[in-house]
């Protein structure tokens, strides 16, 4: 009786959310290698011939802002340790009026690539129409605006996690003898299509259970605050997030003998983090605002991020939020995205995430085939 109830729940929850899970799985599989394909496709503008003398950060900031037709780079000018990399910045703005769709929610989304030695604008790419950004939009909210589409995605993911658990209950062998283990752990490739389809659903679902659950759970991070608290608990043993006071840092208004505080901040940042891959600099707003910098330790992942603040008049460091000084819970929270896309394990991790997406996408397909076939046979 218990298994019948679980089967009923498993079947109908799967039918309700199967299409969404299939879409999320396909787009997830495609997006896994987004960074690698983007680097390959944009190689000509991402790399330049290194020279001995570059332009100042101040000059490059102004040239990049002009190229993007903005007064201030809200997301910063990104500089690189590799002298052969072009410097980049992007602008992102939303329309004043709310929209129902992904495209209607974006007014402008562009990335500029500039040569730091000549100041030449190598290209400006309209990211709104970029293939991988559209794939991300489908994965994020089904190309609907975030308030509309993301709840559909989030709750479909929650149901998918429930399906993994109920699937485990249904998979559990009645008898742990040789025949029972063979049916539960092996795919009968030479069987008729009904048996093969059943095995592909049942056996692959079992083998992918834990890692598929991890990928699904980390995907809920952006929709449910409890995921962040859970990650903090896994890392520290404390479910509630620490009550930390936000330190207010300001520049001291006064005369400065520094010709270019932004250039001074650039030197101080790279002196503080000489092994970083890239550092982005954001100009201050107001007379007491600070120059902010976002430090990325690795170009292949996002989690190793530190933040810095500099006096806007002198370029001296006034605050550092170092990733290495975070506790294990905070580090695990920072790793969430890279766990979700498999980047935490490098290329092998991404390949594994890709395969998990394929398997996850196959489950609603094989499940639907079983339901449809049974419905036809019962009808006859």
Protein backbone atom coordinates (compact mmCIF):
# COMPACT_ATOMS: atom_id res chain seq x y z
CA UNK A 1 0.00 0.00 0.00
CA UNK A 2 2.86 2.36 0.90
CA UNK A 3 4.66 1.75 -2.41
CA UNK A 4 1.41 2.27 -4.33
CA UNK A 5 1.00 5.69 -2.75
CA UNK A 6 4.63 6.54 -3.51
CA UNK A 7 4.19 5.36 -7.12
CA UNK A 8 1.07 7.51 -7.52
CA UNK A 9 2.92 10.54 -6.15
CA UNK A 10 6.02 9.83 -8.24
CA UNK A 11 4.06 9.36 -11.45
CA UNK A 12 1.88 12.46 -11.28
CA UNK A 13 4.51 14.82 -9.93
CA UNK A 14 6.73 13.64 -12.77
CA UNK A 15 4.04 14.25 -15.37
CA UNK A 16 3.32 17.73 -14.01
CA UNK A 17 6.94 18.94 -13.97
CA UNK A 18 8.56 16.67 -16.56
CA UNK A 19 8.66 19.25 -19.36
CA UNK A 20 10.28 21.87 -17.13
CA UNK A 21 12.85 19.39 -15.79
CA UNK A 22 13.69 18.35 -19.36
CA UNK A 23 14.21 22.01 -20.39
CA UNK A 24 16.35 22.74 -17.33
CA UNK A 25 18.44 19.63 -17.97
CA UNK A 26 19.09 20.41 -21.64
CA UNK A 27 19.96 24.07 -20.99
CA UNK A 28 22.09 23.06 -18.01
CA UNK A 29 24.04 20.59 -20.13
CA UNK A 30 24.66 23.25 -22.78
CA UNK A 31 25.65 25.95 -20.29
CA UNK A 32 28.17 23.78 -18.44
CA UNK A 33 30.88 24.59 -20.99
CA UNK A 34 29.83 28.20 -21.58
CA UNK A 35 33.13 29.64 -20.37
CA UNK A 36 35.25 27.33 -22.51
CA UNK A 37 33.23 27.96 -25.70
CA UNK A 38 33.10 31.70 -25.06
CA UNK A 39 36.89 31.84 -24.66
CA UNK A 40 37.29 29.89 -27.89
CA UNK A 41 34.83 32.02 -29.87
CA UNK A 42 36.18 35.33 -28.55
CA UNK A 43 39.86 34.46 -28.50
CA UNK A 44 40.76 37.12 -31.06
CA UNK A 45 39.40 39.94 -28.90
CA UNK A 46 40.28 38.46 -25.51
CA UNK A 47 44.00 38.40 -26.25
CA UNK A 48 46.36 41.10 -27.52
CA UNK A 49 50.09 41.37 -28.16
CA UNK A 50 51.78 42.34 -24.88
CA UNK A 51 53.85 45.53 -24.92
CA UNK A 52 56.14 47.23 -22.41
CA UNK A 53 54.00 50.33 -21.78
CA UNK A 54 50.27 50.30 -21.14
CA UNK A 55 47.83 53.17 -20.68
CA UNK A 56 46.96 54.26 -17.16
CA UNK A 57 43.96 52.72 -15.44
CA UNK A 58 42.39 56.19 -15.40
CA UNK A 59 42.68 56.49 -19.19
CA UNK A 60 41.42 52.98 -19.79
CA UNK A 61 38.48 53.54 -17.46
CA UNK A 62 37.47 56.64 -19.40
CA UNK A 63 37.90 55.00 -22.81
CA UNK A 64 35.88 51.95 -21.73
CA UNK A 65 33.08 54.09 -20.28
CA UNK A 66 32.96 56.08 -23.52
CA UNK A 67 32.84 52.87 -25.57
CA UNK A 68 29.86 51.63 -23.54
CA UNK A 69 28.31 55.13 -23.54
CA UNK A 70 28.02 55.31 -19.75
CA UNK A 71 29.25 57.84 -17.19
CA UNK A 72 30.44 55.21 -14.72
CA UNK A 73 31.26 51.51 -15.01
CA UNK A 74 28.85 50.14 -12.41
CA UNK A 75 30.42 46.68 -12.59
CA UNK A 76 33.99 47.90 -12.92
CA UNK A 77 36.89 47.78 -15.33
CA UNK A 78 38.44 44.30 -15.26
CA UNK A 79 42.24 44.13 -15.40
CA UNK A 80 44.25 40.91 -15.78
CA UNK A 81 47.50 39.50 -14.49
CA UNK A 82 48.21 38.04 -17.94
CA UNK A 83 49.80 40.91 -19.93
CA UNK A 84 48.39 39.38 -23.09
CA UNK A 85 44.74 39.79 -22.04
CA UNK A 86 42.52 42.63 -23.20
CA UNK A 87 40.74 44.58 -20.47
CA UNK A 88 36.98 44.28 -20.23
CA UNK A 89 33.88 45.87 -18.77
CA UNK A 90 30.16 45.36 -19.20
CA UNK A 91 27.09 47.50 -18.76
CA UNK A 92 23.70 46.19 -17.72
CA UNK A 93 20.55 48.26 -17.37
CA UNK A 94 16.87 47.42 -16.97
CA UNK A 95 13.93 49.33 -18.45
CA UNK A 96 11.82 51.56 -16.23
CA UNK A 97 8.69 49.55 -16.96
CA UNK A 98 8.41 45.93 -15.73
CA UNK A 99 8.05 43.19 -18.31
CA UNK A 100 6.74 39.65 -18.51
CA UNK A 101 9.65 38.39 -20.57
CA UNK A 102 13.41 37.91 -20.26
CA UNK A 103 14.16 40.17 -23.23
CA UNK A 104 11.73 42.82 -22.04
CA UNK A 105 13.53 42.88 -18.66
CA UNK A 106 16.80 43.98 -20.28
CA UNK A 107 17.34 47.45 -21.71
CA UNK A 108 21.04 47.01 -22.46
CA UNK A 109 23.62 44.31 -21.79
CA UNK A 110 26.96 44.85 -23.51
CA UNK A 111 30.58 43.82 -23.01
CA UNK A 112 33.52 45.92 -24.24
CA UNK A 113 37.00 44.53 -24.96
CA UNK A 114 39.86 47.06 -25.13
CA UNK A 115 43.59 46.87 -25.81
CA UNK A 116 45.29 48.18 -22.61
CA UNK A 117 48.36 49.30 -24.56
CA UNK A 118 46.68 51.35 -27.28
CA UNK A 119 43.21 51.94 -25.90
CA UNK A 120 41.71 50.49 -29.08
CA UNK A 121 38.15 49.21 -28.73
CA UNK A 122 38.49 45.67 -30.05
CA UNK A 123 34.76 44.93 -30.02
CA UNK A 124 31.53 45.55 -28.19
CA UNK A 125 29.32 42.48 -27.89
CA UNK A 126 25.57 42.62 -27.36
CA UNK A 127 25.23 39.96 -24.67
CA UNK A 128 21.43 40.07 -24.74
CA UNK A 129 21.52 38.18 -28.04
CA UNK A 130 24.44 35.91 -27.14
CA UNK A 131 23.56 32.23 -27.51
CA UNK A 132 24.74 31.22 -24.04
CA UNK A 133 22.99 34.16 -22.39
CA UNK A 134 19.72 33.08 -24.01
CA UNK A 135 20.36 29.52 -22.80
CA UNK A 136 20.98 30.94 -19.33
CA UNK A 137 17.73 32.93 -19.59
CA UNK A 138 15.81 29.76 -20.39
CA UNK A 139 17.48 27.91 -17.51
CA UNK A 140 16.97 30.81 -15.10
CA UNK A 141 13.33 31.67 -15.77
CA UNK A 142 12.13 29.96 -18.98
CA UNK A 143 12.70 33.30 -20.81
CA UNK A 144 10.08 34.90 -18.58
CA UNK A 145 10.91 37.76 -16.24
CA UNK A 146 12.50 36.62 -12.99
CA UNK A 147 9.46 37.25 -10.70
CA UNK A 148 7.30 35.12 -13.01
CA UNK A 149 9.60 32.44 -14.38
CA UNK A 150 11.92 31.74 -11.48
CA UNK A 151 9.22 30.43 -9.09
CA UNK A 152 8.16 27.95 -11.80
CA UNK A 153 11.76 26.81 -12.19
CA UNK A 154 12.39 26.70 -8.43
CA UNK A 155 9.31 24.69 -7.48
CA UNK A 156 9.81 22.32 -10.41
CA UNK A 157 13.32 21.72 -9.05
CA UNK A 158 11.92 21.08 -5.57
CA UNK A 159 9.53 18.52 -7.05
CA UNK A 160 12.44 16.96 -8.96
CA UNK A 161 14.27 16.46 -5.65
CA UNK A 162 11.13 14.82 -4.23
CA UNK A 163 11.00 12.58 -7.30
CA UNK A 164 14.60 11.50 -6.69
CA UNK A 165 13.68 10.44 -3.16
CA UNK A 166 10.45 8.68 -4.14
CA UNK A 167 12.32 7.07 -7.03
CA UNK A 168 14.80 5.65 -4.55
CA UNK A 169 11.91 4.11 -2.60
CA UNK A 170 10.49 2.54 -5.76
CA UNK A 171 13.92 1.32 -6.88
CA UNK A 172 14.61 -0.46 -3.58
CA UNK A 173 14.78 -4.23 -4.31
CA UNK A 174 12.17 -6.44 -2.69
CA UNK A 175 14.84 -9.08 -2.12
CA UNK A 176 18.58 -8.52 -1.87
CA UNK A 177 19.41 -11.80 -3.56
CA UNK A 178 21.50 -12.22 -6.71
CA UNK A 179 18.56 -11.78 -9.06
CA UNK A 180 17.24 -8.76 -7.19
CA UNK A 181 20.62 -7.02 -7.25
CA UNK A 182 21.03 -7.79 -10.94
CA UNK A 183 17.68 -6.21 -11.79
CA UNK A 184 18.38 -3.13 -9.67
CA UNK A 185 22.02 -2.40 -10.53
CA UNK A 186 22.33 -3.48 -14.17
CA UNK A 187 20.78 -2.31 -17.43
CA UNK A 188 19.56 -5.20 -19.55
CA UNK A 189 20.73 -3.86 -22.92
CA UNK A 190 19.59 -6.93 -24.88
CA UNK A 191 16.04 -6.93 -23.52
CA UNK A 192 12.97 -5.70 -25.38
CA UNK A 193 12.37 -1.97 -25.49
CA UNK A 194 9.96 -1.89 -22.53
CA UNK A 195 12.47 -3.55 -20.23
CA UNK A 196 15.32 -1.41 -21.57
CA UNK A 197 13.31 1.79 -21.08
CA UNK A 198 12.46 0.71 -17.52
CA UNK A 199 16.12 0.02 -16.74
CA UNK A 200 17.23 3.34 -18.19
CA UNK A 201 14.76 5.09 -15.89
CA UNK A 202 15.26 2.96 -12.82
CA UNK A 203 18.98 2.12 -12.83
CA UNK A 204 20.29 5.42 -14.18
CA UNK A 205 18.07 7.24 -11.70
CA UNK A 206 19.69 5.30 -8.86
CA UNK A 207 23.28 5.87 -9.96
CA UNK A 208 22.74 9.60 -10.49
CA UNK A 209 20.67 10.11 -7.33
CA UNK A 210 23.17 11.77 -4.99
CA UNK A 211 24.96 14.03 -7.46
CA UNK A 212 21.71 14.97 -9.24
CA UNK A 213 20.31 15.92 -5.83
CA UNK A 214 23.36 18.12 -5.17
CA UNK A 215 23.04 19.89 -8.52
CA UNK A 216 19.31 20.40 -8.02
CA UNK A 217 19.71 21.61 -4.43
CA UNK A 218 22.45 24.11 -5.31
CA UNK A 219 20.19 25.43 -8.08
CA UNK A 220 17.66 26.46 -5.41
CA UNK A 221 20.22 28.84 -3.87
CA UNK A 222 18.89 31.86 -5.79
CA UNK A 223 15.24 31.21 -4.89
CA UNK A 224 15.26 30.07 -1.26
CA UNK A 225 17.32 31.66 1.57
CA UNK A 226 17.20 28.37 3.50
CA UNK A 227 19.67 26.87 1.00
CA UNK A 228 22.30 29.42 2.00
CA UNK A 229 21.67 28.65 5.68
CA UNK A 230 21.92 24.92 4.98
CA UNK A 231 25.27 25.35 3.23
CA UNK A 232 26.51 27.39 6.18
CA UNK A 233 25.34 24.61 8.52
CA UNK A 234 27.19 21.95 6.48
CA UNK A 235 30.37 24.00 6.73
CA UNK A 236 30.18 25.14 10.34
CA UNK A 237 27.49 23.14 12.16
CA UNK A 238 25.50 26.35 12.73
CA UNK A 239 22.26 26.80 10.79
CA UNK A 240 21.72 30.47 11.55
CA UNK A 241 23.94 32.88 9.67
CA UNK A 242 26.29 34.99 11.83
CA UNK A 243 25.06 38.48 12.65
CA UNK A 244 27.92 40.51 11.23
CA UNK A 245 27.86 44.28 11.23
CA UNK A 246 28.53 45.78 7.83
CA UNK A 247 31.66 47.86 8.16
CA UNK A 248 31.16 51.35 6.76
CA UNK A 249 34.24 52.57 4.92
CA UNK A 250 34.57 56.07 3.57
CA UNK A 251 37.18 58.24 1.95
CA UNK A 252 38.61 61.16 3.90
CA UNK A 253 37.97 64.39 2.05
CA UNK A 254 41.18 66.35 1.61
CA UNK A 255 44.05 67.24 -0.62
CA UNK A 256 46.08 64.45 -2.15
CA UNK A 257 49.50 64.39 -3.69
CA UNK A 258 48.55 61.32 -5.76
CA UNK A 259 48.04 62.18 -9.43
CA UNK A 260 45.85 59.14 -10.10
CA UNK A 261 44.21 57.48 -7.09
CA UNK A 262 42.77 54.81 -9.40
CA UNK A 263 46.26 53.92 -10.64
CA UNK A 264 47.48 53.83 -7.03
CA UNK A 265 44.57 51.53 -6.10
CA UNK A 266 45.50 49.29 -9.05
CA UNK A 267 49.11 48.95 -7.81
CA UNK A 268 48.05 48.39 -4.20
CA UNK A 269 45.49 45.76 -5.19
CA UNK A 270 47.94 43.75 -7.26
CA UNK A 271 50.58 44.08 -4.52
CA UNK A 272 48.04 42.66 -2.03
CA UNK A 273 46.89 39.84 -4.36
CA UNK A 274 49.81 39.15 -6.75
CA UNK A 275 48.51 35.67 -7.68
CA UNK A 276 45.00 36.80 -8.63
CA UNK A 277 43.79 36.15 -12.15
CA UNK A 278 41.88 39.41 -12.53
CA UNK A 279 40.80 42.44 -10.50
CA UNK A 280 37.88 44.73 -11.35
CA UNK A 281 37.87 48.38 -10.24
CA UNK A 282 34.75 50.46 -9.63
CA UNK A 283 34.97 54.23 -9.28
CA UNK A 284 33.33 55.78 -6.20
CA UNK A 285 30.10 57.72 -6.05
CA UNK A 286 29.96 60.91 -3.93
CA UNK A 287 32.73 62.79 -2.19
CA UNK A 288 33.23 60.21 0.57
CA UNK A 289 32.76 57.09 -1.56
CA UNK A 290 35.56 54.58 -1.99
CA UNK A 291 37.16 52.88 -4.95
CA UNK A 292 36.04 49.26 -4.83
CA UNK A 293 37.79 46.23 -6.26
CA UNK A 294 36.64 42.67 -6.83
CA UNK A 295 39.48 40.15 -6.85
CA UNK A 296 39.14 36.83 -8.68
CA UNK A 297 41.70 34.20 -7.82
CA UNK A 298 40.90 31.96 -10.77
CA UNK A 299 39.51 32.56 -14.25
CA UNK A 300 37.86 29.14 -14.37
CA UNK A 301 35.76 29.44 -11.20
CA UNK A 302 33.92 32.18 -9.32
CA UNK A 303 34.10 31.17 -5.68
CA UNK A 304 37.59 32.46 -4.80
CA UNK A 305 36.50 36.10 -4.62
CA UNK A 306 37.87 38.82 -2.34
CA UNK A 307 36.78 42.44 -2.10
CA UNK A 308 38.76 45.59 -1.37
CA UNK A 309 38.08 49.28 -0.75
CA UNK A 310 40.48 52.18 -1.34
CA UNK A 311 40.44 55.84 -0.38
CA UNK A 312 39.28 57.74 -3.46
CA UNK A 313 41.83 60.52 -2.91
CA UNK A 314 44.96 58.50 -2.16
CA UNK A 315 44.28 55.00 -3.48
CA UNK A 316 45.32 53.55 -0.11
CA UNK A 317 43.65 50.37 1.13
CA UNK A 318 40.95 51.06 3.73
CA UNK A 319 39.27 47.62 3.85
CA UNK A 320 39.91 44.04 2.71
CA UNK A 321 37.41 41.17 2.74
CA UNK A 322 39.76 38.29 2.01
CA UNK A 323 38.30 34.98 0.81
CA UNK A 324 41.02 33.07 2.67
CA UNK A 325 39.78 34.54 5.96
CA UNK A 326 36.19 33.35 5.55
CA UNK A 327 34.94 30.41 7.62
CA UNK A 328 34.10 27.06 6.02
CA UNK A 329 30.41 27.85 5.82
CA UNK A 330 31.02 31.13 4.00
CA UNK A 331 33.44 29.42 1.63
CA UNK A 332 30.88 26.70 0.86
CA UNK A 333 28.27 29.37 0.13
CA UNK A 334 30.75 31.06 -2.22
CA UNK A 335 31.31 27.71 -3.98
CA UNK A 336 27.60 27.14 -4.65
CA UNK A 337 27.60 28.29 -8.30
CA UNK A 338 30.76 26.37 -9.17
CA UNK A 339 29.32 23.23 -7.55
CA UNK A 340 26.10 23.72 -9.52
CA UNK A 341 27.88 23.82 -12.90
CA UNK A 342 30.59 21.29 -11.99
CA UNK A 343 33.41 23.86 -12.30
CA UNK A 344 34.55 23.04 -8.76
CA UNK A 345 36.05 19.84 -10.20
CA UNK A 346 37.66 21.42 -13.27
CA UNK A 347 37.02 19.88 -16.69
CA UNK A 348 36.33 16.40 -15.22
CA UNK A 349 33.75 18.02 -12.92
CA UNK A 350 32.10 19.77 -15.85
CA UNK A 351 31.98 16.56 -17.87
CA UNK A 352 30.33 14.84 -14.90
CA UNK A 353 27.82 17.70 -14.55
CA UNK A 354 27.09 17.47 -18.29
CA UNK A 355 26.40 13.71 -18.03
CA UNK A 356 24.22 14.23 -14.95
CA UNK A 357 22.18 16.80 -16.87
CA UNK A 358 21.70 14.33 -19.72
CA UNK A 359 20.60 11.60 -17.32
CA UNK A 360 18.31 13.98 -15.41
CA UNK A 361 16.72 15.05 -18.68
CA UNK A 362 16.20 11.43 -19.73
CA UNK A 363 14.27 10.54 -16.56
CA UNK A 364 11.05 12.43 -17.41
CA UNK A 365 11.27 11.08 -20.98
CA UNK A 366 11.61 7.41 -19.98
CA UNK A 367 9.04 7.94 -17.21
CA UNK A 368 6.54 9.41 -19.66
CA UNK A 369 7.11 6.50 -22.08
CA UNK A 370 6.30 4.03 -19.28
CA UNK A 371 3.14 5.92 -18.33
CA UNK A 372 1.96 6.30 -21.94
CA UNK A 373 2.65 2.66 -22.79
CA UNK A 374 0.76 1.45 -19.73
CA UNK A 375 -2.12 3.79 -20.52
CA UNK A 376 -2.37 2.40 -24.06
CA UNK A 377 -2.25 -1.22 -22.87
CA UNK A 378 -4.87 -0.60 -20.18
CA UNK A 379 -7.05 1.04 -22.81
CA UNK A 380 -6.82 -2.04 -25.00
